[in-house]
Amino acid sequence: MSDEFISVRIPKNLYEEISRRVKESEGEFKSVEEYVAFVLNELVKEDEEENAYTPEEEEEIKKRLRQLGYL
């Protein structure tokens, strides 16, 4: 992870909710910033995993599914 940081603005009520979750995390997260970075990293990883196939691979999968009668 990079040592460089930038600021991101979020609504105060969201910050307060995240702060409450940090306190309830029993030391898993040390700050709101750490929690937000964790959540965003998880979302980015999830998105990358959803796009695991190249367009060519997706076409091959569709072709096979058509041959099996699923599409």
Protein backbone atom coordinates (compact mmCIF):
# COMPACT_ATOMS: atom_id res chain seq x y z
CA MET A 1 0.00 0.00 0.00
CA SER A 2 1.25 3.46 -0.83
CA ASP A 3 2.39 5.88 1.86
CA GLU A 4 0.74 8.75 -0.01
CA PHE A 5 -2.76 9.78 1.00
CA ILE A 6 -5.45 12.12 -0.27
CA SER A 7 -8.56 13.43 1.43
CA VAL A 8 -12.06 12.31 0.50
CA ARG A 9 -15.18 14.06 1.76
CA ILE A 10 -18.07 12.00 3.09
CA PRO A 11 -21.29 13.05 4.80
CA LYS A 12 -20.96 13.59 8.55
CA ASN A 13 -23.65 11.02 9.39
CA LEU A 14 -21.75 8.38 7.39
CA TYR A 15 -18.52 9.27 9.20
CA GLU A 16 -20.29 8.91 12.54
CA GLU A 17 -21.71 5.50 11.58
CA ILE A 18 -18.29 4.28 10.47
CA SER A 19 -16.76 5.65 13.67
CA ARG A 20 -19.30 3.62 15.67
CA ARG A 21 -18.36 0.49 13.70
CA VAL A 22 -14.65 1.11 14.28
CA LYS A 23 -15.28 1.28 18.04
CA GLU A 24 -17.29 -1.96 17.88
CA SER A 25 -14.63 -3.74 15.80
CA GLU A 26 -12.69 -4.64 18.97
CA GLY A 27 -9.40 -3.30 17.66
CA GLU A 28 -9.67 -4.69 14.14
CA PHE A 29 -9.60 -1.13 12.79
CA LYS A 30 -7.68 1.73 14.38
CA SER A 31 -9.44 4.59 12.62
CA VAL A 32 -12.24 5.59 10.29
CA GLU A 33 -9.65 6.06 7.55
CA GLU A 34 -8.36 2.51 7.99
CA TYR A 35 -11.92 1.13 7.89
CA VAL A 36 -12.82 3.08 4.75
CA ALA A 37 -9.59 2.02 3.00
CA PHE A 38 -10.32 -1.62 3.87
CA VAL A 39 -13.89 -1.47 2.56
CA LEU A 40 -12.87 0.28 -0.65
CA ASN A 41 -10.06 -2.23 -1.25
CA GLU A 42 -12.54 -5.08 -0.83
CA LEU A 43 -14.96 -3.50 -3.30
CA VAL A 44 -12.23 -2.96 -5.87
CA LYS A 45 -11.03 -6.58 -5.49
CA GLU A 46 -14.60 -7.84 -5.82
CA ASP A 47 -15.11 -5.82 -8.98
CA GLU A 48 -11.86 -7.16 -10.45
CA GLU A 49 -12.92 -10.72 -9.66
CA GLU A 50 -16.26 -10.20 -11.40
CA ASN A 51 -14.40 -9.20 -14.56
CA ALA A 52 -12.06 -12.20 -14.43
CA TYR A 53 -12.74 -13.27 -18.04
CA THR A 54 -11.50 -11.54 -21.15
CA PRO A 55 -14.11 -10.73 -23.82
CA GLU A 56 -12.76 -13.64 -25.86
CA GLU A 57 -13.15 -16.03 -22.93
CA GLU A 58 -16.69 -14.79 -22.34
CA GLU A 59 -17.57 -15.48 -25.97
CA GLU A 60 -16.13 -18.99 -25.72
CA ILE A 61 -18.16 -19.64 -22.56
CA LYS A 62 -21.33 -18.37 -24.26
CA LYS A 63 -20.60 -20.57 -27.28
CA ARG A 64 -20.25 -23.63 -25.05
CA LEU A 65 -23.42 -22.78 -23.13
CA ARG A 66 -25.33 -22.42 -26.43
CA GLN A 67 -24.04 -25.81 -27.56
CA LEU A 68 -25.30 -27.31 -24.29
CA GLY A 69 -28.70 -25.63 -24.78
CA TYR A 70 -28.44 -23.21 -21.88
CA LEU A 71 -28.53 -20.09 -24.06
